[in-house]
Amino acid sequence: VYGYVNDATTSESVLANNPDSGTDAGQFAIIPKITTTDKNVEFEFIAAVPREKDISVYEDGIGPLEFKSLRIVSFPGGQQYGAINPCEMNEFSDECEAWEEENGPYKKGEFMTKSNPRTKGR
């Protein structure tokens, strides 16, 4: 999902990857699957609001937002993307050790596509 998301009161961007609203090219959400018959889709994203903003006064916990120029772009081969585990970030970290205790030994792939079974080595 791409587009602009602004605080409706201040008109400031709430997207961490587009703080100055200079471009709408930054992806801010992913929708795993959309079919040709879907009329409405839902997605979640994390809004970046200034620390000094008192969000306790808003029932929804963030305040009114303004969404502009939203679009969904499908990329061929998108199925190769997925969550990465802590070992892929740093195989020597404590987080990797905890992940291995839960999931078994980390097996390092030759490179991204070969280490990702969804791409079948392509």
PDB file of N, CA and C in Angstrom:
ATOM      1  N   VAL A   1       0.859  -1.164   0.000  1.00  0.00           N
ATOM      2  CA  VAL A   1       0.000   0.000   0.000  1.00  0.00           C
ATOM      3  C   VAL A   1       0.903   1.224   0.000  1.00  0.00           C
ATOM      4  N   TYR A   2       0.610   2.138  -0.890  1.00  0.00           N
ATOM      5  CA  TYR A   2       1.367   3.376  -1.021  1.00  0.00           C
ATOM      6  C   TYR A   2       0.402   4.552  -0.927  1.00  0.00           C
ATOM      7  N   GLY A   3       0.917   5.713  -0.586  1.00  0.00           N
ATOM      8  CA  GLY A   3       0.106   6.920  -0.536  1.00  0.00           C
ATOM      9  C   GLY A   3       0.553   7.833   0.582  1.00  0.00           C
ATOM     10  N   TYR A   4      -0.324   8.770   0.942  1.00  0.00           N
ATOM     11  CA  TYR A   4      -0.057   9.731   2.003  1.00  0.00           C
ATOM     12  C   TYR A   4      -1.014   9.485   3.158  1.00  0.00           C
ATOM     13  N   VAL A   5      -0.504   9.555   4.378  1.00  0.00           N
ATOM     14  CA  VAL A   5      -1.345   9.491   5.569  1.00  0.00           C
ATOM     15  C   VAL A   5      -0.884  10.623   6.475  1.00  0.00           C
ATOM     16  N   ASN A   6      -1.802  11.554   6.731  1.00  0.00           N
ATOM     17  CA  ASN A   6      -1.469  12.732   7.526  1.00  0.00           C
ATOM     18  C   ASN A   6      -2.345  12.842   8.758  1.00  0.00           C
ATOM     19  N   ASP A   7      -1.826  13.531   9.766  1.00  0.00           N
ATOM     20  CA  ASP A   7      -2.616  13.908  10.932  1.00  0.00           C
ATOM     21  C   ASP A   7      -3.640  14.921  10.427  1.00  0.00           C
ATOM     22  N   ALA A   8      -4.925  14.651  10.617  1.00  0.00           N
ATOM     23  CA  ALA A   8      -5.972  15.522  10.068  1.00  0.00           C
ATOM     24  C   ALA A   8      -5.983  16.899  10.720  1.00  0.00           C
ATOM     25  N   THR A   9      -5.452  17.025  11.924  1.00  0.00           N
ATOM     26  CA  THR A   9      -5.436  18.313  12.614  1.00  0.00           C
ATOM     27  C   THR A   9      -4.269  19.180  12.169  1.00  0.00           C
ATOM     28  N   THR A  10      -3.068  18.592  12.108  1.00  0.00           N
ATOM     29  CA  THR A  10      -1.866  19.371  11.790  1.00  0.00           C
ATOM     30  C   THR A  10      -1.438  19.260  10.332  1.00  0.00           C
ATOM     31  N   SER A  11      -1.984  18.306   9.606  1.00  0.00           N
ATOM     32  CA  SER A  11      -1.611  17.998   8.216  1.00  0.00           C
ATOM     33  C   SER A  11      -0.186  17.466   8.083  1.00  0.00           C
ATOM     34  N   GLU A  12       0.434  17.074   9.187  1.00  0.00           N
ATOM     35  CA  GLU A  12       1.778  16.500   9.139  1.00  0.00           C
ATOM     36  C   GLU A  12       1.694  15.004   8.854  1.00  0.00           C
ATOM     37  N   SER A  13       2.670  14.499   8.131  1.00  0.00           N
ATOM     38  CA  SER A  13       2.719  13.078   7.800  1.00  0.00           C
ATOM     39  C   SER A  13       2.894  12.239   9.061  1.00  0.00           C
ATOM     40  N   VAL A  14       2.228  11.092   9.101  1.00  0.00           N
ATOM     41  CA  VAL A  14       2.406  10.141  10.204  1.00  0.00           C
ATOM     42  C   VAL A  14       3.122   8.877   9.716  1.00  0.00           C
ATOM     43  N   LEU A  15       3.708   8.949   8.525  1.00  0.00           N
ATOM     44  CA  LEU A  15       4.446   7.809   7.978  1.00  0.00           C
ATOM     45  C   LEU A  15       5.927   7.965   8.297  1.00  0.00           C
ATOM     46  N   ALA A  16       6.494   6.973   8.965  1.00  0.00           N
ATOM     47  CA  ALA A  16       7.899   7.035   9.362  1.00  0.00           C
ATOM     48  C   ALA A  16       8.835   7.109   8.156  1.00  0.00           C
ATOM     49  N   ASN A  17       8.440   6.507   7.033  1.00  0.00           N
ATOM     50  CA  ASN A  17       9.309   6.522   5.856  1.00  0.00           C
ATOM     51  C   ASN A  17       9.014   7.698   4.929  1.00  0.00           C
ATOM     52  N   ASN A  18       8.183   8.636   5.371  1.00  0.00           N
ATOM     53  CA  ASN A  18       7.882   9.825   4.582  1.00  0.00           C
ATOM     54  C   ASN A  18       7.520  10.973   5.524  1.00  0.00           C
ATOM     55  N   PRO A  19       8.430  11.381   6.407  1.00  0.00           N
ATOM     56  CA  PRO A  19       8.087  12.374   7.420  1.00  0.00           C
ATOM     57  C   PRO A  19       7.746  13.759   6.880  1.00  0.00           C
ATOM     58  N   ASP A  20       8.244  14.111   5.697  1.00  0.00           N
ATOM     59  CA  ASP A  20       7.971  15.447   5.161  1.00  0.00           C
ATOM     60  C   ASP A  20       6.923  15.449   4.051  1.00  0.00           C
ATOM     61  N   SER A  21       6.254  14.316   3.835  1.00  0.00           N
ATOM     62  CA  SER A  21       5.246  14.178   2.769  1.00  0.00           C
ATOM     63  C   SER A  21       5.808  14.519   1.398  1.00  0.00           C
ATOM     64  N   GLY A  22       7.111  14.327   1.223  1.00  0.00           N
ATOM     65  CA  GLY A  22       7.753  14.674  -0.031  1.00  0.00           C
ATOM     66  C   GLY A  22       7.440  13.721  -1.175  1.00  0.00           C
ATOM     67  N   THR A  23       7.055  12.489  -0.861  1.00  0.00           N
ATOM     68  CA  THR A  23       6.791  11.515  -1.903  1.00  0.00           C
ATOM     69  C   THR A  23       5.764  10.506  -1.408  1.00  0.00           C
ATOM     70  N   ASP A  24       5.068   9.897  -2.335  1.00  0.00           N
ATOM     71  CA  ASP A  24       4.138   8.828  -1.946  1.00  0.00           C
ATOM     72  C   ASP A  24       4.703   7.472  -2.352  1.00  0.00           C
ATOM     73  N   ALA A  25       6.007   7.432  -2.609  1.00  0.00           N
ATOM     74  CA  ALA A  25       6.628   6.207  -3.104  1.00  0.00           C
ATOM     75  C   ALA A  25       6.967   5.210  -2.006  1.00  0.00           C
ATOM     76  N   GLY A  26       6.857   5.600  -0.762  1.00  0.00           N
ATOM     77  CA  GLY A  26       7.213   4.696   0.324  1.00  0.00           C
ATOM     78  C   GLY A  26       6.086   3.756   0.698  1.00  0.00           C
ATOM     79  N   GLN A  27       6.361   2.489   0.657  1.00  0.00           N
ATOM     80  CA  GLN A  27       5.364   1.485   1.043  1.00  0.00           C
ATOM     81  C   GLN A  27       5.167   1.553   2.544  1.00  0.00           C
ATOM     82  N   PHE A  28       3.910   1.525   3.005  1.00  0.00           N
ATOM     83  CA  PHE A  28       3.671   1.571   4.443  1.00  0.00           C
ATOM     84  C   PHE A  28       2.806   0.436   4.954  1.00  0.00           C
ATOM     85  N   ALA A  29       2.348  -0.443   4.096  1.00  0.00           N
ATOM     86  CA  ALA A  29       1.576  -1.610   4.533  1.00  0.00           C
ATOM     87  C   ALA A  29       1.638  -2.677   3.449  1.00  0.00           C
ATOM     88  N   ILE A  30       1.376  -3.911   3.865  1.00  0.00           N
ATOM     89  CA  ILE A  30       1.329  -5.037   2.933  1.00  0.00           C
ATOM     90  C   ILE A  30      -0.002  -5.743   3.105  1.00  0.00           C
ATOM     91  N   ILE A  31      -0.629  -6.061   1.996  1.00  0.00           N
ATOM     92  CA  ILE A  31      -1.859  -6.850   1.998  1.00  0.00           C
ATOM     93  C   ILE A  31      -1.490  -8.185   1.363  1.00  0.00           C
ATOM     94  N   PRO A  32      -1.536  -9.264   2.145  1.00  0.00           N
ATOM     95  CA  PRO A  32      -1.052 -10.554   1.641  1.00  0.00           C
ATOM     96  C   PRO A  32      -1.743 -11.056   0.385  1.00  0.00           C
ATOM     97  N   LYS A  33      -3.055 -10.852   0.271  1.00  0.00           N
ATOM     98  CA  LYS A  33      -3.753 -11.389  -0.893  1.00  0.00           C
ATOM     99  C   LYS A  33      -5.006 -10.567  -1.172  1.00  0.00           C
ATOM    100  N   ILE A  34      -5.210 -10.261  -2.434  1.00  0.00           N
ATOM    101  CA  ILE A  34      -6.429  -9.593  -2.891  1.00  0.00           C
ATOM    102  C   ILE A  34      -6.901 -10.347  -4.125  1.00  0.00           C
ATOM    103  N   THR A  35      -8.173 -10.669  -4.157  1.00  0.00           N
ATOM    104  CA  THR A  35      -8.721 -11.362  -5.324  1.00  0.00           C
ATOM    105  C   THR A  35      -9.475 -10.373  -6.196  1.00  0.00           C
ATOM    106  N   THR A  36      -9.816 -10.789  -7.385  1.00  0.00           N
ATOM    107  CA  THR A  36     -10.541  -9.916  -8.311  1.00  0.00           C
ATOM    108  C   THR A  36     -11.959  -9.625  -7.850  1.00  0.00           C
ATOM    109  N   THR A  37     -12.463 -10.395  -6.911  1.00  0.00           N
ATOM    110  CA  THR A  37     -13.829 -10.169  -6.423  1.00  0.00           C
ATOM    111  C   THR A  37     -13.871  -9.332  -5.142  1.00  0.00           C
ATOM    112  N   ASP A  38     -12.722  -9.023  -4.560  1.00  0.00           N
ATOM    113  CA  ASP A  38     -12.688  -8.213  -3.336  1.00  0.00           C
ATOM    114  C   ASP A  38     -13.124  -6.780  -3.636  1.00  0.00           C
ATOM    115  N   LYS A  39     -14.064  -6.282  -2.852  1.00  0.00           N
ATOM    116  CA  LYS A  39     -14.543  -4.903  -3.007  1.00  0.00           C
ATOM    117  C   LYS A  39     -13.889  -3.978  -1.987  1.00  0.00           C
ATOM    118  N   ASN A  40     -13.627  -4.489  -0.800  1.00  0.00           N
ATOM    119  CA  ASN A  40     -12.979  -3.723   0.261  1.00  0.00           C
ATOM    120  C   ASN A  40     -11.841  -4.551   0.835  1.00  0.00           C
ATOM    121  N   VAL A  41     -10.770  -3.890   1.203  1.00  0.00           N
ATOM    122  CA  VAL A  41      -9.658  -4.566   1.857  1.00  0.00           C
ATOM    123  C   VAL A  41      -9.276  -3.770   3.102  1.00  0.00           C
ATOM    124  N   GLU A  42      -8.727  -4.464   4.070  1.00  0.00           N
ATOM    125  CA  GLU A  42      -8.257  -3.818   5.284  1.00  0.00           C
ATOM    126  C   GLU A  42      -6.764  -4.054   5.415  1.00  0.00           C
ATOM    127  N   PHE A  43      -6.085  -3.100   6.031  1.00  0.00           N
ATOM    128  CA  PHE A  43      -4.664  -3.244   6.298  1.00  0.00           C
ATOM    129  C   PHE A  43      -4.340  -2.499   7.580  1.00  0.00           C
ATOM    130  N   GLU A  44      -3.207  -2.826   8.147  1.00  0.00           N
ATOM    131  CA  GLU A  44      -2.730  -2.164   9.347  1.00  0.00           C
ATOM    132  C   GLU A  44      -1.403  -1.492   9.040  1.00  0.00           C
ATOM    133  N   PHE A  45      -1.172  -0.373   9.698  1.00  0.00           N
ATOM    134  CA  PHE A  45       0.128   0.268   9.626  1.00  0.00           C
ATOM    135  C   PHE A  45       0.382   0.965  10.952  1.00  0.00           C
ATOM    136  N   ILE A  46       1.615   1.302  11.206  1.00  0.00           N
ATOM    137  CA  ILE A  46       1.997   1.984  12.438  1.00  0.00           C
ATOM    138  C   ILE A  46       2.188   3.461  12.117  1.00  0.00           C
ATOM    139  N   ALA A  47       1.436   4.300  12.810  1.00  0.00           N
ATOM    140  CA  ALA A  47       1.551   5.744  12.612  1.00  0.00           C
ATOM    141  C   ALA A  47       2.655   6.297  13.506  1.00  0.00           C
ATOM    142  N   ALA A  48       3.459   7.174  12.955  1.00  0.00           N
ATOM    143  CA  ALA A  48       4.523   7.837  13.713  1.00  0.00           C
ATOM    144  C   ALA A  48       4.015   9.215  14.123  1.00  0.00           C
ATOM    145  N   VAL A  49       3.712   9.362  15.399  1.00  0.00           N
ATOM    146  CA  VAL A  49       3.216  10.652  15.900  1.00  0.00           C
ATOM    147  C   VAL A  49       4.246  11.235  16.854  1.00  0.00           C
ATOM    148  N   PRO A  50       4.324  12.558  16.926  1.00  0.00           N
ATOM    149  CA  PRO A  50       5.298  13.183  17.833  1.00  0.00           C
ATOM    150  C   PRO A  50       5.037  12.793  19.287  1.00  0.00           C
ATOM    151  N   ARG A  51       6.095  12.647  20.063  1.00  0.00           N
ATOM    152  CA  ARG A  51       5.958  12.293  21.479  1.00  0.00           C
ATOM    153  C   ARG A  51       5.107  13.304  22.234  1.00  0.00           C
ATOM    154  N   GLU A  52       5.196  14.551  21.834  1.00  0.00           N
ATOM    155  CA  GLU A  52       4.477  15.599  22.566  1.00  0.00           C
ATOM    156  C   GLU A  52       2.971  15.615  22.288  1.00  0.00           C
ATOM    157  N   LYS A  53       2.505  14.858  21.320  1.00  0.00           N
ATOM    158  CA  LYS A  53       1.070  14.817  21.034  1.00  0.00           C
ATOM    159  C   LYS A  53       0.352  14.001  22.110  1.00  0.00           C
ATOM    160  N   ASP A  54      -0.666  14.589  22.718  1.00  0.00           N
ATOM    161  CA  ASP A  54      -1.439  13.910  23.759  1.00  0.00           C
ATOM    162  C   ASP A  54      -2.501  13.042  23.090  1.00  0.00           C
ATOM    163  N   ILE A  55      -2.192  11.758  22.912  1.00  0.00           N
ATOM    164  CA  ILE A  55      -3.136  10.857  22.241  1.00  0.00           C
ATOM    165  C   ILE A  55      -4.186  10.310  23.196  1.00  0.00           C
ATOM    166  N   SER A  56      -4.039  10.591  24.493  1.00  0.00           N
ATOM    167  CA  SER A  56      -5.009  10.081  25.473  1.00  0.00           C
ATOM    168  C   SER A  56      -6.384  10.726  25.314  1.00  0.00           C
ATOM    169  N   VAL A  57      -6.443  11.862  24.635  1.00  0.00           N
ATOM    170  CA  VAL A  57      -7.732  12.551  24.471  1.00  0.00           C
ATOM    171  C   VAL A  57      -8.564  11.967  23.333  1.00  0.00           C
ATOM    172  N   TYR A  58      -7.997  11.042  22.570  1.00  0.00           N
ATOM    173  CA  TYR A  58      -8.703  10.467  21.433  1.00  0.00           C
ATOM    174  C   TYR A  58      -9.224   9.079  21.765  1.00  0.00           C
ATOM    175  N   GLU A  59     -10.475   8.843  21.471  1.00  0.00           N
ATOM    176  CA  GLU A  59     -11.095   7.549  21.752  1.00  0.00           C
ATOM    177  C   GLU A  59     -10.394   6.411  21.016  1.00  0.00           C
ATOM    178  N   ASP A  60      -9.968   6.676  19.771  1.00  0.00           N
ATOM    179  CA  ASP A  60      -9.301   5.630  18.981  1.00  0.00           C
ATOM    180  C   ASP A  60      -7.808   5.514  19.290  1.00  0.00           C
ATOM    181  N   GLY A  61      -7.310   6.349  20.187  1.00  0.00           N
ATOM    182  CA  GLY A  61      -5.921   6.258  20.615  1.00  0.00           C
ATOM    183  C   GLY A  61      -4.907   6.941  19.732  1.00  0.00           C
ATOM    184  N   ILE A  62      -5.355   7.620  18.671  1.00  0.00           N
ATOM    185  CA  ILE A  62      -4.390   8.284  17.792  1.00  0.00           C
ATOM    186  C   ILE A  62      -4.900   9.617  17.246  1.00  0.00           C
ATOM    187  N   GLY A  63      -6.191   9.750  17.107  1.00  0.00           N
ATOM    188  CA  GLY A  63      -6.759  10.972  16.543  1.00  0.00           C
ATOM    189  C   GLY A  63      -7.102  10.802  15.083  1.00  0.00           C
ATOM    190  N   PRO A  64      -7.754  11.797  14.506  1.00  0.00           N
ATOM    191  CA  PRO A  64      -8.189  11.680  13.111  1.00  0.00           C
ATOM    192  C   PRO A  64      -7.017  11.696  12.125  1.00  0.00           C
ATOM    193  N   LEU A  65      -7.116  10.828  11.130  1.00  0.00           N
ATOM    194  CA  LEU A  65      -6.098  10.745  10.085  1.00  0.00           C
ATOM    195  C   LEU A  65      -6.725  11.058   8.741  1.00  0.00           C
ATOM    196  N   GLU A  66      -5.916  11.555   7.832  1.00  0.00           N
ATOM    197  CA  GLU A  66      -6.359  11.860   6.470  1.00  0.00           C
ATOM    198  C   GLU A  66      -5.554  10.980   5.511  1.00  0.00           C
ATOM    199  N   PHE A  67      -6.257  10.167   4.734  1.00  0.00           N
ATOM    200  CA  PHE A  67      -5.625   9.273   3.762  1.00  0.00           C
ATOM    201  C   PHE A  67      -5.798   9.873   2.371  1.00  0.00           C
ATOM    202  N   LYS A  68      -4.686  10.001   1.627  1.00  0.00           N
ATOM    203  CA  LYS A  68      -4.754  10.575   0.282  1.00  0.00           C
ATOM    204  C   LYS A  68      -3.958   9.724  -0.702  1.00  0.00           C
ATOM    205  N   SER A  69      -4.470   9.650  -1.907  1.00  0.00           N
ATOM    206  CA  SER A  69      -3.775   8.997  -3.028  1.00  0.00           C
ATOM    207  C   SER A  69      -3.333   7.579  -2.707  1.00  0.00           C
ATOM    208  N   LEU A  70      -4.169   6.828  -1.997  1.00  0.00           N
ATOM    209  CA  LEU A  70      -3.802   5.454  -1.679  1.00  0.00           C
ATOM    210  C   LEU A  70      -3.907   4.579  -2.911  1.00  0.00           C
ATOM    211  N   ARG A  71      -2.967   3.668  -3.036  1.00  0.00           N
ATOM    212  CA  ARG A  71      -3.018   2.700  -4.123  1.00  0.00           C
ATOM    213  C   ARG A  71      -2.317   1.428  -3.671  1.00  0.00           C
ATOM    214  N   ILE A  72      -2.744   0.357  -4.265  1.00  0.00           N
ATOM    215  CA  ILE A  72      -2.156  -0.946  -3.986  1.00  0.00           C
ATOM    216  C   ILE A  72      -1.449  -1.387  -5.254  1.00  0.00           C
ATOM    217  N   VAL A  73      -0.215  -1.801  -5.110  1.00  0.00           N
ATOM    218  CA  VAL A  73       0.569  -2.238  -6.254  1.00  0.00           C
ATOM    219  C   VAL A  73       0.963  -3.692  -6.027  1.00  0.00           C
ATOM    220  N   SER A  74       0.714  -4.519  -7.028  1.00  0.00           N
ATOM    221  CA  SER A  74       1.087  -5.927  -6.950  1.00  0.00           C
ATOM    222  C   SER A  74       2.380  -6.127  -7.725  1.00  0.00           C
ATOM    223  N   PHE A  75       3.326  -6.766  -7.091  1.00  0.00           N
ATOM    224  CA  PHE A  75       4.598  -7.024  -7.744  1.00  0.00           C
ATOM    225  C   PHE A  75       4.742  -8.509  -8.041  1.00  0.00           C
ATOM    226  N   PRO A  76       5.030  -8.875  -9.297  1.00  0.00           N
ATOM    227  CA  PRO A  76       5.265 -10.283  -9.608  1.00  0.00           C
ATOM    228  C   PRO A  76       6.414 -10.808  -8.753  1.00  0.00           C
ATOM    229  N   GLY A  77       6.257 -12.013  -8.272  1.00  0.00           N
ATOM    230  CA  GLY A  77       7.295 -12.603  -7.437  1.00  0.00           C
ATOM    231  C   GLY A  77       7.209 -12.182  -5.986  1.00  0.00           C
ATOM    232  N   GLY A  78       6.170 -11.456  -5.634  1.00  0.00           N
ATOM    233  CA  GLY A  78       6.018 -10.990  -4.264  1.00  0.00           C
ATOM    234  C   GLY A  78       5.921 -12.103  -3.250  1.00  0.00           C
ATOM    235  N   GLN A  79       5.607 -13.310  -3.691  1.00  0.00           N
ATOM    236  CA  GLN A  79       5.502 -14.438  -2.773  1.00  0.00           C
ATOM    237  C   GLN A  79       6.846 -14.794  -2.150  1.00  0.00           C
ATOM    238  N   GLN A  80       7.943 -14.285  -2.710  1.00  0.00           N
ATOM    239  CA  GLN A  80       9.242 -14.614  -2.137  1.00  0.00           C
ATOM    240  C   GLN A  80       9.527 -13.830  -0.868  1.00  0.00           C
ATOM    241  N   TYR A  81       8.732 -12.808  -0.591  1.00  0.00           N
ATOM    242  CA  TYR A  81       8.963 -12.019   0.606  1.00  0.00           C
ATOM    243  C   TYR A  81       8.259 -12.632   1.793  1.00  0.00           C
ATOM    244  N   GLY A  82       8.831 -12.493   2.940  1.00  0.00           N
ATOM    245  CA  GLY A  82       8.229 -13.026   4.149  1.00  0.00           C
ATOM    246  C   GLY A  82       8.982 -12.517   5.359  1.00  0.00           C
ATOM    247  N   ALA A  83       8.511 -12.917   6.498  1.00  0.00           N
ATOM    248  CA  ALA A  83       9.157 -12.498   7.738  1.00  0.00           C
ATOM    249  C   ALA A  83      10.569 -13.067   7.808  1.00  0.00           C
ATOM    250  N   ILE A  84      11.459 -12.277   8.337  1.00  0.00           N
ATOM    251  CA  ILE A  84      12.813 -12.773   8.545  1.00  0.00           C
ATOM    252  C   ILE A  84      12.972 -13.083  10.028  1.00  0.00           C
ATOM    253  N   ASN A  85      13.826 -14.016  10.317  1.00  0.00           N
ATOM    254  CA  ASN A  85      14.033 -14.372  11.719  1.00  0.00           C
ATOM    255  C   ASN A  85      15.259 -13.637  12.254  1.00  0.00           C
ATOM    256  N   PRO A  86      15.427 -13.606  13.572  1.00  0.00           N
ATOM    257  CA  PRO A  86      16.552 -12.877  14.162  1.00  0.00           C
ATOM    258  C   PRO A  86      17.914 -13.388  13.703  1.00  0.00           C
ATOM    259  N   CYS A  87      17.992 -14.662  13.337  1.00  0.00           N
ATOM    260  CA  CYS A  87      19.268 -15.224  12.894  1.00  0.00           C
ATOM    261  C   CYS A  87      19.686 -14.661  11.540  1.00  0.00           C
ATOM    262  N   GLU A  88      18.716 -14.314  10.707  1.00  0.00           N
ATOM    263  CA  GLU A  88      19.043 -13.726   9.410  1.00  0.00           C
ATOM    264  C   GLU A  88      19.569 -12.304   9.580  1.00  0.00           C
ATOM    265  N   MET A  89      19.177 -11.661  10.668  1.00  0.00           N
ATOM    266  CA  MET A  89      19.680 -10.315  10.956  1.00  0.00           C
ATOM    267  C   MET A  89      21.072 -10.383  11.590  1.00  0.00           C
ATOM    268  N   ASN A  90      21.227 -11.286  12.579  1.00  0.00           N
ATOM    269  CA  ASN A  90      22.506 -11.436  13.270  1.00  0.00           C
ATOM    270  C   ASN A  90      22.536 -12.814  13.914  1.00  0.00           C
ATOM    271  N   GLU A  91      23.228 -13.730  13.275  1.00  0.00           N
ATOM    272  CA  GLU A  91      23.221 -15.112  13.758  1.00  0.00           C
ATOM    273  C   GLU A  91      23.978 -15.299  15.069  1.00  0.00           C
ATOM    274  N   PHE A  92      24.631 -14.258  15.563  1.00  0.00           N
ATOM    275  CA  PHE A  92      25.363 -14.343  16.825  1.00  0.00           C
ATOM    276  C   PHE A  92      24.630 -13.644  17.970  1.00  0.00           C
ATOM    277  N   SER A  93      23.414 -13.182  17.732  1.00  0.00           N
ATOM    278  CA  SER A  93      22.670 -12.426  18.744  1.00  0.00           C
ATOM    279  C   SER A  93      21.953 -13.336  19.740  1.00  0.00           C
ATOM    280  N   ASP A  94      21.600 -12.757  20.891  1.00  0.00           N
ATOM    281  CA  ASP A  94      20.810 -13.485  21.892  1.00  0.00           C
ATOM    282  C   ASP A  94      19.442 -13.840  21.329  1.00  0.00           C
ATOM    283  N   GLU A  95      18.889 -12.945  20.495  1.00  0.00           N
ATOM    284  CA  GLU A  95      17.583 -13.195  19.892  1.00  0.00           C
ATOM    285  C   GLU A  95      17.627 -14.417  18.986  1.00  0.00           C
ATOM    286  N   CYS A  96      18.730 -14.589  18.264  1.00  0.00           N
ATOM    287  CA  CYS A  96      18.889 -15.761  17.394  1.00  0.00           C
ATOM    288  C   CYS A  96      18.960 -17.028  18.239  1.00  0.00           C
ATOM    289  N   GLU A  97      19.689 -16.951  19.335  1.00  0.00           N
ATOM    290  CA  GLU A  97      19.806 -18.106  20.220  1.00  0.00           C
ATOM    291  C   GLU A  97      18.429 -18.528  20.742  1.00  0.00           C
ATOM    292  N   ALA A  98      17.624 -17.546  21.150  1.00  0.00           N
ATOM    293  CA  ALA A  98      16.271 -17.840  21.640  1.00  0.00           C
ATOM    294  C   ALA A  98      15.416 -18.421  20.519  1.00  0.00           C
ATOM    295  N   TRP A  99      15.564 -17.877  19.297  1.00  0.00           N
ATOM    296  CA  TRP A  99      14.801 -18.372  18.142  1.00  0.00           C
ATOM    297  C   TRP A  99      15.169 -19.829  17.865  1.00  0.00           C
ATOM    298  N   GLU A 100      16.466 -20.148  17.934  1.00  0.00           N
ATOM    299  CA  GLU A 100      16.918 -21.520  17.683  1.00  0.00           C
ATOM    300  C   GLU A 100      16.392 -22.497  18.733  1.00  0.00           C
ATOM    301  N   GLU A 101      16.277 -22.049  19.980  1.00  0.00           N
ATOM    302  CA  GLU A 101      15.722 -22.909  21.027  1.00  0.00           C
ATOM    303  C   GLU A 101      14.284 -23.301  20.707  1.00  0.00           C
ATOM    304  N   GLU A 102      13.565 -22.378  20.083  1.00  0.00           N
ATOM    305  CA  GLU A 102      12.157 -22.626  19.753  1.00  0.00           C
ATOM    306  C   GLU A 102      11.978 -23.325  18.413  1.00  0.00           C
ATOM    307  N   ASN A 103      12.843 -23.019  17.435  1.00  0.00           N
ATOM    308  CA  ASN A 103      12.646 -23.493  16.063  1.00  0.00           C
ATOM    309  C   ASN A 103      13.676 -24.489  15.560  1.00  0.00           C
ATOM    310  N   GLY A 104      14.708 -24.745  16.327  1.00  0.00           N
ATOM    311  CA  GLY A 104      15.767 -25.636  15.876  1.00  0.00           C
ATOM    312  C   GLY A 104      16.920 -24.848  15.280  1.00  0.00           C
ATOM    313  N   PRO A 105      17.984 -25.527  14.907  1.00  0.00           N
ATOM    314  CA  PRO A 105      19.180 -24.849  14.404  1.00  0.00           C
ATOM    315  C   PRO A 105      18.896 -24.012  13.156  1.00  0.00           C
ATOM    316  N   TYR A 106      19.525 -22.851  13.117  1.00  0.00           N
ATOM    317  CA  TYR A 106      19.421 -21.967  11.952  1.00  0.00           C
ATOM    318  C   TYR A 106      20.309 -22.504  10.845  1.00  0.00           C
ATOM    319  N   LYS A 107      19.748 -22.631   9.648  1.00  0.00           N
ATOM    320  CA  LYS A 107      20.506 -23.083   8.488  1.00  0.00           C
ATOM    321  C   LYS A 107      20.671 -21.897   7.550  1.00  0.00           C
ATOM    322  N   LYS A 108      21.903 -21.454   7.390  1.00  0.00           N
ATOM    323  CA  LYS A 108      22.198 -20.299   6.551  1.00  0.00           C
ATOM    324  C   LYS A 108      22.157 -20.704   5.085  1.00  0.00           C
ATOM    325  N   GLY A 109      21.353 -19.989   4.282  1.00  0.00           N
ATOM    326  CA  GLY A 109      21.256 -20.270   2.858  1.00  0.00           C
ATOM    327  C   GLY A 109      22.385 -19.607   2.091  1.00  0.00           C
ATOM    328  N   GLU A 110      22.560 -20.005   0.827  1.00  0.00           N
ATOM    329  CA  GLU A 110      23.616 -19.421   0.003  1.00  0.00           C
ATOM    330  C   GLU A 110      23.357 -17.947  -0.263  1.00  0.00           C
ATOM    331  N   PHE A 111      22.122 -17.610  -0.536  1.00  0.00           N
ATOM    332  CA  PHE A 111      21.700 -16.226  -0.697  1.00  0.00           C
ATOM    333  C   PHE A 111      20.196 -16.204  -0.538  1.00  0.00           C
ATOM    334  N   MET A 112      19.596 -15.022  -0.587  1.00  0.00           N
ATOM    335  CA  MET A 112      18.189 -14.863  -0.216  1.00  0.00           C
ATOM    336  C   MET A 112      17.247 -15.853  -0.886  1.00  0.00           C
ATOM    337  N   THR A 113      17.320 -15.981  -2.206  1.00  0.00           N
ATOM    338  CA  THR A 113      16.342 -16.838  -2.871  1.00  0.00           C
ATOM    339  C   THR A 113      16.537 -18.308  -2.549  1.00  0.00           C
ATOM    340  N   LYS A 114      17.779 -18.737  -2.362  1.00  0.00           N
ATOM    341  CA  LYS A 114      17.991 -20.144  -2.029  1.00  0.00           C
ATOM    342  C   LYS A 114      17.664 -20.431  -0.571  1.00  0.00           C
ATOM    343  N   SER A 115      17.769 -19.424   0.295  1.00  0.00           N
ATOM    344  CA  SER A 115      17.457 -19.654   1.702  1.00  0.00           C
ATOM    345  C   SER A 115      15.960 -19.530   1.966  1.00  0.00           C
ATOM    346  N   ASN A 116      15.204 -19.090   0.959  1.00  0.00           N
ATOM    347  CA  ASN A 116      13.762 -18.921   1.121  1.00  0.00           C
ATOM    348  C   ASN A 116      13.054 -20.042   0.368  1.00  0.00           C
ATOM    349  N   PRO A 117      12.444 -21.015   1.065  1.00  0.00           N
ATOM    350  CA  PRO A 117      11.836 -22.165   0.401  1.00  0.00           C
ATOM    351  C   PRO A 117      10.666 -21.803  -0.508  1.00  0.00           C
ATOM    352  N   ARG A 118      10.069 -20.625  -0.315  1.00  0.00           N
ATOM    353  CA  ARG A 118       8.926 -20.250  -1.157  1.00  0.00           C
ATOM    354  C   ARG A 118       9.331 -19.979  -2.596  1.00  0.00           C
ATOM    355  N   THR A 119      10.597 -19.665  -2.838  1.00  0.00           N
ATOM    356  CA  THR A 119      11.031 -19.386  -4.204  1.00  0.00           C
ATOM    357  C   THR A 119      11.530 -20.630  -4.918  1.00  0.00           C
ATOM    358  N   LYS A 120      11.636 -21.738  -4.192  1.00  0.00           N
ATOM    359  CA  LYS A 120      12.086 -23.017  -4.753  1.00  0.00           C
ATOM    360  C   LYS A 120      13.435 -22.881  -5.470  1.00  0.00           C
ATOM    361  N   GLY A 121      14.324 -22.049  -4.923  1.00  0.00           N
ATOM    362  CA  GLY A 121      15.675 -21.922  -5.470  1.00  0.00           C
ATOM    363  C   GLY A 121      15.788 -21.102  -6.728  1.00  0.00           C
ATOM    364  N   ARG A 122      14.717 -20.397  -7.129  1.00  0.00           N
ATOM    365  CA  ARG A 122      14.808 -19.584  -8.340  1.00  0.00           C
ATOM    366  C   ARG A 122      15.409 -18.244  -8.045  1.00  0.00           C
TER     367      ARG A 122
END
